Amino acid sequence: MDIVWSSILALISSVAFSIIANVPRRALTGSAITGLVAWIVYYSLNTNSIGLAIPNFAAGIVIGVLGTYLARKIKIPVTMIFIGSLISLVPGGMAFTTIQNVSNTLDLIQGLLNTLIVAMSLSLGIGSASIFNKWLYR
């Protein structure tokens, strides 16, 4: 039941952030679908406790591949899909908690490394998917 509730919240956050970021109305569905599928992949892999990097990398690949496919289908720039679909995966809360731990050096370093791992995994996943998409749509 937890995956259903968190998936609904991921869907709502994808649509809401897309609206706040002034994404065109016809891109909202693509952003919501991509954000939902990426969250399900992330949540499924993260519950098996295989670390931070692999679930975020896999979710980044899903965002890159599915987002590009839907952007081509809807005929909009792919960044319009990426904007909303990334919001539930961005390590903003983790970065905020890290900054709060400035007084404890060990927690600060660990938080910084975890935040960097998540951010780099997402960007590497989207970058890898971009390479795959260029090869696929050639």
N, C-alpha and C. Protein backbone atom coordinates (compact mmCIF):
# COMPACT_ATOMS: atom_id res chain seq x y z
N MET A 1 0.82 -1.20 0.00
CA MET A 1 0.00 0.00 0.00
C MET A 1 0.86 1.26 0.00
N ASP A 2 2.06 1.15 0.56
CA ASP A 2 2.96 2.30 0.64
C ASP A 2 3.40 2.76 -0.75
N ILE A 3 3.63 1.82 -1.66
CA ILE A 3 4.05 2.19 -3.01
C ILE A 3 2.92 2.90 -3.76
N VAL A 4 1.69 2.51 -3.49
CA VAL A 4 0.55 3.16 -4.15
C VAL A 4 0.44 4.61 -3.69
N TRP A 5 0.50 4.82 -2.38
CA TRP A 5 0.38 6.16 -1.83
C TRP A 5 1.54 7.06 -2.29
N SER A 6 2.76 6.55 -2.24
CA SER A 6 3.90 7.37 -2.66
C SER A 6 3.89 7.62 -4.17
N SER A 7 3.36 6.68 -4.94
CA SER A 7 3.26 6.89 -6.39
C SER A 7 2.23 7.96 -6.72
N ILE A 8 1.13 7.97 -5.99
CA ILE A 8 0.12 9.02 -6.19
C ILE A 8 0.71 10.38 -5.86
N LEU A 9 1.47 10.45 -4.77
CA LEU A 9 2.11 11.72 -4.41
C LEU A 9 3.17 12.14 -5.43
N ALA A 10 3.89 11.17 -5.99
CA ALA A 10 4.88 11.50 -7.03
C ALA A 10 4.19 12.03 -8.28
N LEU A 11 3.06 11.45 -8.63
CA LEU A 11 2.29 11.91 -9.78
C LEU A 11 1.80 13.34 -9.56
N ILE A 12 1.25 13.59 -8.37
CA ILE A 12 0.75 14.94 -8.05
C ILE A 12 1.90 15.95 -8.04
N SER A 13 3.04 15.57 -7.48
CA SER A 13 4.17 16.51 -7.43
C SER A 13 4.71 16.80 -8.83
N SER A 14 4.71 15.80 -9.70
CA SER A 14 5.17 16.03 -11.08
C SER A 14 4.28 17.03 -11.80
N VAL A 15 2.98 16.86 -11.68
CA VAL A 15 2.04 17.77 -12.34
C VAL A 15 2.10 19.16 -11.70
N ALA A 16 2.12 19.21 -10.38
CA ALA A 16 2.12 20.51 -9.69
C ALA A 16 3.38 21.31 -10.01
N PHE A 17 4.54 20.67 -9.99
CA PHE A 17 5.76 21.41 -10.29
C PHE A 17 5.80 21.83 -11.76
N SER A 18 5.24 21.01 -12.64
CA SER A 18 5.18 21.39 -14.06
C SER A 18 4.31 22.63 -14.23
N ILE A 19 3.22 22.69 -13.50
CA ILE A 19 2.34 23.86 -13.57
C ILE A 19 3.06 25.09 -13.03
N ILE A 20 3.76 24.93 -11.90
CA ILE A 20 4.50 26.05 -11.31
C ILE A 20 5.60 26.53 -12.26
N ALA A 21 6.24 25.59 -12.97
CA ALA A 21 7.32 25.95 -13.90
C ALA A 21 6.80 26.40 -15.25
N ASN A 22 5.49 26.54 -15.38
CA ASN A 22 4.85 27.07 -16.59
C ASN A 22 5.10 26.17 -17.81
N VAL A 23 5.02 24.88 -17.61
CA VAL A 23 5.14 23.92 -18.70
C VAL A 23 3.82 23.95 -19.48
N PRO A 24 3.87 23.86 -20.82
CA PRO A 24 2.62 23.88 -21.60
C PRO A 24 1.66 22.77 -21.17
N ARG A 25 0.39 23.05 -21.29
CA ARG A 25 -0.65 22.13 -20.83
C ARG A 25 -0.55 20.76 -21.50
N ARG A 26 -0.19 20.73 -22.77
CA ARG A 26 -0.13 19.44 -23.47
C ARG A 26 1.05 18.58 -23.02
N ALA A 27 2.00 19.17 -22.28
CA ALA A 27 3.14 18.41 -21.76
C ALA A 27 2.89 17.86 -20.36
N LEU A 28 1.81 18.24 -19.72
CA LEU A 28 1.55 17.81 -18.34
C LEU A 28 1.35 16.31 -18.24
N THR A 29 0.64 15.73 -19.19
CA THR A 29 0.40 14.28 -19.15
C THR A 29 1.71 13.51 -19.30
N GLY A 30 2.54 13.92 -20.25
CA GLY A 30 3.83 13.25 -20.45
C GLY A 30 4.73 13.38 -19.25
N SER A 31 4.73 14.55 -18.64
CA SER A 31 5.54 14.77 -17.45
C SER A 31 5.03 13.92 -16.28
N ALA A 32 3.73 13.83 -16.15
CA ALA A 32 3.14 13.03 -15.06
C ALA A 32 3.43 11.55 -15.24
N ILE A 33 3.28 11.05 -16.46
CA ILE A 33 3.53 9.62 -16.71
C ILE A 33 5.00 9.30 -16.48
N THR A 34 5.88 10.14 -16.99
CA THR A 34 7.31 9.90 -16.83
C THR A 34 7.72 9.96 -15.36
N GLY A 35 7.21 10.94 -14.65
CA GLY A 35 7.52 11.05 -13.22
C GLY A 35 7.00 9.87 -12.43
N LEU A 36 5.81 9.39 -12.77
CA LEU A 36 5.22 8.25 -12.07
C LEU A 36 6.02 6.97 -12.31
N VAL A 37 6.35 6.69 -13.56
CA VAL A 37 7.10 5.48 -13.88
C VAL A 37 8.50 5.53 -13.27
N ALA A 38 9.14 6.69 -13.34
CA ALA A 38 10.48 6.83 -12.75
C ALA A 38 10.42 6.62 -11.24
N TRP A 39 9.39 7.15 -10.59
CA TRP A 39 9.27 6.96 -9.15
C TRP A 39 9.04 5.50 -8.79
N ILE A 40 8.23 4.80 -9.56
CA ILE A 40 7.97 3.38 -9.29
C ILE A 40 9.25 2.58 -9.43
N VAL A 41 10.04 2.88 -10.47
CA VAL A 41 11.32 2.19 -10.65
C VAL A 41 12.25 2.50 -9.48
N TYR A 42 12.34 3.77 -9.11
CA TYR A 42 13.19 4.17 -7.99
C TYR A 42 12.74 3.49 -6.69
N TYR A 43 11.46 3.54 -6.41
CA TYR A 43 10.94 2.98 -5.16
C TYR A 43 11.15 1.47 -5.10
N SER A 44 10.91 0.80 -6.21
CA SER A 44 11.08 -0.66 -6.26
C SER A 44 12.53 -1.06 -6.00
N LEU A 45 13.46 -0.35 -6.61
CA LEU A 45 14.87 -0.67 -6.41
C LEU A 45 15.38 -0.21 -5.04
N ASN A 46 14.84 0.89 -4.55
CA ASN A 46 15.31 1.43 -3.27
C ASN A 46 14.84 0.59 -2.09
N THR A 47 13.71 -0.08 -2.19
CA THR A 47 13.23 -0.91 -1.09
C THR A 47 14.07 -2.17 -0.92
N ASN A 48 14.80 -2.55 -1.96
CA ASN A 48 15.69 -3.70 -1.86
C ASN A 48 17.03 -3.31 -1.24
N SER A 49 17.17 -2.06 -0.82
CA SER A 49 18.37 -1.49 -0.20
C SER A 49 19.67 -1.91 -0.89
N ILE A 50 19.77 -1.49 -2.15
CA ILE A 50 20.99 -1.74 -2.92
C ILE A 50 21.83 -0.48 -3.05
N GLY A 51 21.60 0.49 -2.20
CA GLY A 51 22.38 1.71 -2.21
C GLY A 51 21.62 2.88 -2.79
N LEU A 52 22.32 4.00 -2.92
CA LEU A 52 21.70 5.21 -3.45
C LEU A 52 21.85 5.35 -4.96
N ALA A 53 22.96 4.91 -5.48
CA ALA A 53 23.30 5.20 -6.87
C ALA A 53 22.44 4.42 -7.86
N ILE A 54 22.26 3.14 -7.67
CA ILE A 54 21.57 2.32 -8.67
C ILE A 54 20.10 2.69 -8.84
N PRO A 55 19.32 2.89 -7.76
CA PRO A 55 17.92 3.30 -7.98
C PRO A 55 17.80 4.64 -8.69
N ASN A 56 18.65 5.60 -8.34
CA ASN A 56 18.59 6.91 -8.99
C ASN A 56 19.08 6.84 -10.44
N PHE A 57 20.09 6.04 -10.70
CA PHE A 57 20.57 5.87 -12.07
C PHE A 57 19.48 5.23 -12.94
N ALA A 58 18.82 4.21 -12.43
CA ALA A 58 17.75 3.54 -13.18
C ALA A 58 16.58 4.49 -13.41
N ALA A 59 16.22 5.28 -12.41
CA ALA A 59 15.15 6.26 -12.58
C ALA A 59 15.55 7.33 -13.60
N GLY A 60 16.82 7.72 -13.61
CA GLY A 60 17.30 8.68 -14.61
C GLY A 60 17.21 8.12 -16.02
N ILE A 61 17.53 6.84 -16.17
CA ILE A 61 17.40 6.21 -17.49
C ILE A 61 15.94 6.18 -17.93
N VAL A 62 15.04 5.85 -17.01
CA VAL A 62 13.61 5.84 -17.33
C VAL A 62 13.15 7.22 -17.76
N ILE A 63 13.57 8.25 -17.02
CA ILE A 63 13.19 9.62 -17.38
C ILE A 63 13.73 9.98 -18.75
N GLY A 64 14.97 9.62 -19.02
CA GLY A 64 15.58 9.95 -20.31
C GLY A 64 14.91 9.25 -21.47
N VAL A 65 14.68 7.95 -21.34
CA VAL A 65 14.11 7.18 -22.46
C VAL A 65 12.62 7.49 -22.65
N LEU A 66 11.85 7.37 -21.57
CA LEU A 66 10.41 7.60 -21.68
C LEU A 66 10.10 9.07 -21.96
N GLY A 67 10.85 9.97 -21.33
CA GLY A 67 10.63 11.39 -21.57
C GLY A 67 10.90 11.78 -23.02
N THR A 68 11.96 11.25 -23.61
CA THR A 68 12.26 11.54 -25.01
C THR A 68 11.19 10.96 -25.93
N TYR A 69 10.76 9.74 -25.63
CA TYR A 69 9.70 9.12 -26.45
C TYR A 69 8.42 9.95 -26.41
N LEU A 70 8.00 10.34 -25.21
CA LEU A 70 6.76 11.11 -25.10
C LEU A 70 6.91 12.52 -25.69
N ALA A 71 8.09 13.11 -25.56
CA ALA A 71 8.31 14.43 -26.14
C ALA A 71 8.22 14.37 -27.67
N ARG A 72 8.74 13.31 -28.26
CA ARG A 72 8.62 13.15 -29.71
C ARG A 72 7.18 12.90 -30.12
N LYS A 73 6.47 12.14 -29.33
CA LYS A 73 5.08 11.83 -29.64
C LYS A 73 4.19 13.07 -29.52
N ILE A 74 4.43 13.87 -28.47
CA ILE A 74 3.63 15.08 -28.25
C ILE A 74 4.15 16.26 -29.07
N LYS A 75 5.38 16.14 -29.57
CA LYS A 75 6.05 17.19 -30.35
C LYS A 75 6.30 18.45 -29.52
N ILE A 76 7.03 18.23 -28.42
CA ILE A 76 7.45 19.32 -27.55
C ILE A 76 8.92 19.10 -27.20
N PRO A 77 9.62 20.12 -26.71
CA PRO A 77 11.00 19.91 -26.27
C PRO A 77 11.06 18.95 -25.09
N VAL A 78 12.06 18.12 -25.06
CA VAL A 78 12.17 17.09 -24.03
C VAL A 78 12.36 17.69 -22.64
N THR A 79 12.90 18.88 -22.56
CA THR A 79 13.08 19.52 -21.25
C THR A 79 11.74 19.80 -20.57
N MET A 80 10.69 19.97 -21.35
CA MET A 80 9.36 20.18 -20.77
C MET A 80 8.89 18.95 -20.00
N ILE A 81 9.29 17.79 -20.47
CA ILE A 81 8.96 16.55 -19.77
C ILE A 81 9.87 16.37 -18.56
N PHE A 82 11.14 16.66 -18.73
CA PHE A 82 12.13 16.45 -17.66
C PHE A 82 11.84 17.31 -16.44
N ILE A 83 11.33 18.51 -16.64
CA ILE A 83 11.14 19.46 -15.53
C ILE A 83 10.27 18.85 -14.43
N GLY A 84 9.12 18.35 -14.80
CA GLY A 84 8.22 17.81 -13.79
C GLY A 84 8.58 16.42 -13.32
N SER A 85 9.15 15.62 -14.22
CA SER A 85 9.40 14.23 -13.85
C SER A 85 10.58 14.07 -12.89
N LEU A 86 11.47 15.02 -12.85
CA LEU A 86 12.63 14.94 -11.96
C LEU A 86 12.36 15.38 -10.53
N ILE A 87 11.29 16.11 -10.31
CA ILE A 87 11.11 16.79 -9.03
C ILE A 87 11.01 15.84 -7.85
N SER A 88 10.40 14.68 -8.03
CA SER A 88 10.26 13.76 -6.90
C SER A 88 11.57 13.03 -6.58
N LEU A 89 12.56 13.12 -7.46
CA LEU A 89 13.82 12.42 -7.25
C LEU A 89 14.98 13.33 -6.86
N VAL A 90 14.82 14.63 -7.03
CA VAL A 90 15.90 15.58 -6.73
C VAL A 90 16.18 15.57 -5.23
N PRO A 91 17.45 15.53 -4.84
CA PRO A 91 17.79 15.40 -3.41
C PRO A 91 17.76 16.72 -2.65
N GLY A 92 16.68 17.46 -2.77
CA GLY A 92 16.59 18.74 -2.09
C GLY A 92 16.50 18.62 -0.58
N GLY A 93 15.69 17.68 -0.11
CA GLY A 93 15.57 17.47 1.33
C GLY A 93 16.87 16.98 1.94
N MET A 94 17.55 16.13 1.19
CA MET A 94 18.85 15.61 1.65
C MET A 94 19.87 16.74 1.73
N ALA A 95 19.86 17.64 0.76
CA ALA A 95 20.79 18.77 0.79
C ALA A 95 20.47 19.71 1.94
N PHE A 96 19.19 19.92 2.20
CA PHE A 96 18.79 20.79 3.32
C PHE A 96 19.24 20.21 4.65
N THR A 97 19.05 18.91 4.84
CA THR A 97 19.48 18.25 6.07
C THR A 97 20.99 18.32 6.22
N THR A 98 21.70 18.20 5.10
CA THR A 98 23.16 18.29 5.13
C THR A 98 23.60 19.67 5.62
N ILE A 99 22.99 20.71 5.12
CA ILE A 99 23.35 22.07 5.52
C ILE A 99 23.02 22.31 7.00
N GLN A 100 21.98 21.67 7.51
CA GLN A 100 21.65 21.82 8.92
C GLN A 100 22.71 21.19 9.82
N ASN A 101 23.46 20.21 9.30
CA ASN A 101 24.48 19.51 10.07
C ASN A 101 25.87 20.13 9.93
N VAL A 102 25.94 21.42 9.73
CA VAL A 102 27.22 22.08 9.54
C VAL A 102 28.11 21.94 10.78
N SER A 103 27.50 21.88 11.94
CA SER A 103 28.30 21.80 13.17
C SER A 103 28.96 20.43 13.36
N ASN A 104 28.42 19.39 12.76
CA ASN A 104 28.98 18.05 12.87
C ASN A 104 29.68 17.69 11.56
N THR A 105 30.98 17.69 11.57
CA THR A 105 31.76 17.52 10.35
C THR A 105 31.52 16.18 9.67
N LEU A 106 31.45 15.12 10.44
CA LEU A 106 31.26 13.79 9.86
C LEU A 106 29.90 13.67 9.17
N ASP A 107 28.83 14.16 9.81
CA ASP A 107 27.50 14.15 9.19
C ASP A 107 27.46 15.05 7.96
N LEU A 108 28.16 16.16 8.03
CA LEU A 108 28.21 17.08 6.89
C LEU A 108 28.86 16.42 5.68
N ILE A 109 29.99 15.78 5.88
CA ILE A 109 30.68 15.13 4.77
C ILE A 109 29.86 13.97 4.21
N GLN A 110 29.26 13.17 5.10
CA GLN A 110 28.43 12.06 4.65
C GLN A 110 27.21 12.56 3.87
N GLY A 111 26.57 13.61 4.36
CA GLY A 111 25.42 14.18 3.66
C GLY A 111 25.79 14.76 2.31
N LEU A 112 26.94 15.45 2.24
CA LEU A 112 27.39 15.99 0.96
C LEU A 112 27.67 14.89 -0.05
N LEU A 113 28.32 13.83 0.41
CA LEU A 113 28.61 12.71 -0.50
C LEU A 113 27.33 12.03 -0.98
N ASN A 114 26.38 11.82 -0.08
CA ASN A 114 25.12 11.21 -0.48
C ASN A 114 24.34 12.08 -1.46
N THR A 115 24.33 13.38 -1.20
CA THR A 115 23.64 14.30 -2.12
C THR A 115 24.30 14.30 -3.48
N LEU A 116 25.62 14.31 -3.51
CA LEU A 116 26.35 14.26 -4.79
C LEU A 116 26.13 12.94 -5.52
N ILE A 117 26.08 11.85 -4.79
CA ILE A 117 25.83 10.54 -5.42
C ILE A 117 24.46 10.52 -6.08
N VAL A 118 23.45 11.02 -5.38
CA VAL A 118 22.10 11.03 -5.95
C VAL A 118 22.04 11.93 -7.19
N ALA A 119 22.58 13.13 -7.08
CA ALA A 119 22.53 14.07 -8.20
C ALA A 119 23.31 13.55 -9.40
N MET A 120 24.49 12.98 -9.15
CA MET A 120 25.30 12.47 -10.25
C MET A 120 24.65 11.22 -10.88
N SER A 121 24.03 10.39 -10.07
CA SER A 121 23.37 9.20 -10.61
C SER A 121 22.21 9.58 -11.52
N LEU A 122 21.43 10.56 -11.09
CA LEU A 122 20.33 11.03 -11.94
C LEU A 122 20.84 11.61 -13.26
N SER A 123 21.85 12.45 -13.16
CA SER A 123 22.36 13.08 -14.38
C SER A 123 23.05 12.06 -15.29
N LEU A 124 23.75 11.10 -14.73
CA LEU A 124 24.36 10.05 -15.55
C LEU A 124 23.31 9.16 -16.20
N GLY A 125 22.22 8.91 -15.49
CA GLY A 125 21.14 8.12 -16.07
C GLY A 125 20.48 8.84 -17.24
N ILE A 126 20.21 10.12 -17.08
CA ILE A 126 19.61 10.89 -18.16
C ILE A 126 20.59 11.03 -19.32
N GLY A 127 21.87 11.23 -19.01
CA GLY A 127 22.89 11.33 -20.07
C GLY A 127 23.05 10.03 -20.83
N SER A 128 23.04 8.91 -20.13
CA SER A 128 23.13 7.60 -20.79
C SER A 128 21.93 7.36 -21.68
N ALA A 129 20.76 7.74 -21.19
CA ALA A 129 19.55 7.58 -22.00
C ALA A 129 19.59 8.49 -23.23
N SER A 130 20.19 9.66 -23.09
CA SER A 130 20.32 10.56 -24.23
C SER A 130 21.20 9.95 -25.32
N ILE A 131 22.29 9.32 -24.90
CA ILE A 131 23.16 8.63 -25.87
C ILE A 131 22.40 7.51 -26.56
N PHE A 132 21.66 6.74 -25.77
CA PHE A 132 20.86 5.64 -26.33
C PHE A 132 19.81 6.18 -27.29
N ASN A 133 19.14 7.29 -26.92
CA ASN A 133 18.11 7.85 -27.79
C ASN A 133 18.68 8.38 -29.09
N LYS A 134 19.85 8.98 -29.05
CA LYS A 134 20.48 9.46 -30.30
C LYS A 134 20.78 8.30 -31.23
N TRP A 135 21.21 7.19 -30.64
CA TRP A 135 21.47 6.00 -31.45
C TRP A 135 20.16 5.41 -31.97
N LEU A 136 19.13 5.41 -31.14
CA LEU A 136 17.85 4.80 -31.51
C LEU A 136 17.11 5.60 -32.57
N TYR A 137 17.09 6.92 -32.44
CA TYR A 137 16.31 7.76 -33.35
C TYR A 137 17.14 8.28 -34.51
N ARG A 138 18.26 7.67 -34.80
CA ARG A 138 19.12 8.12 -35.87
C ARG A 138 18.50 7.93 -37.21
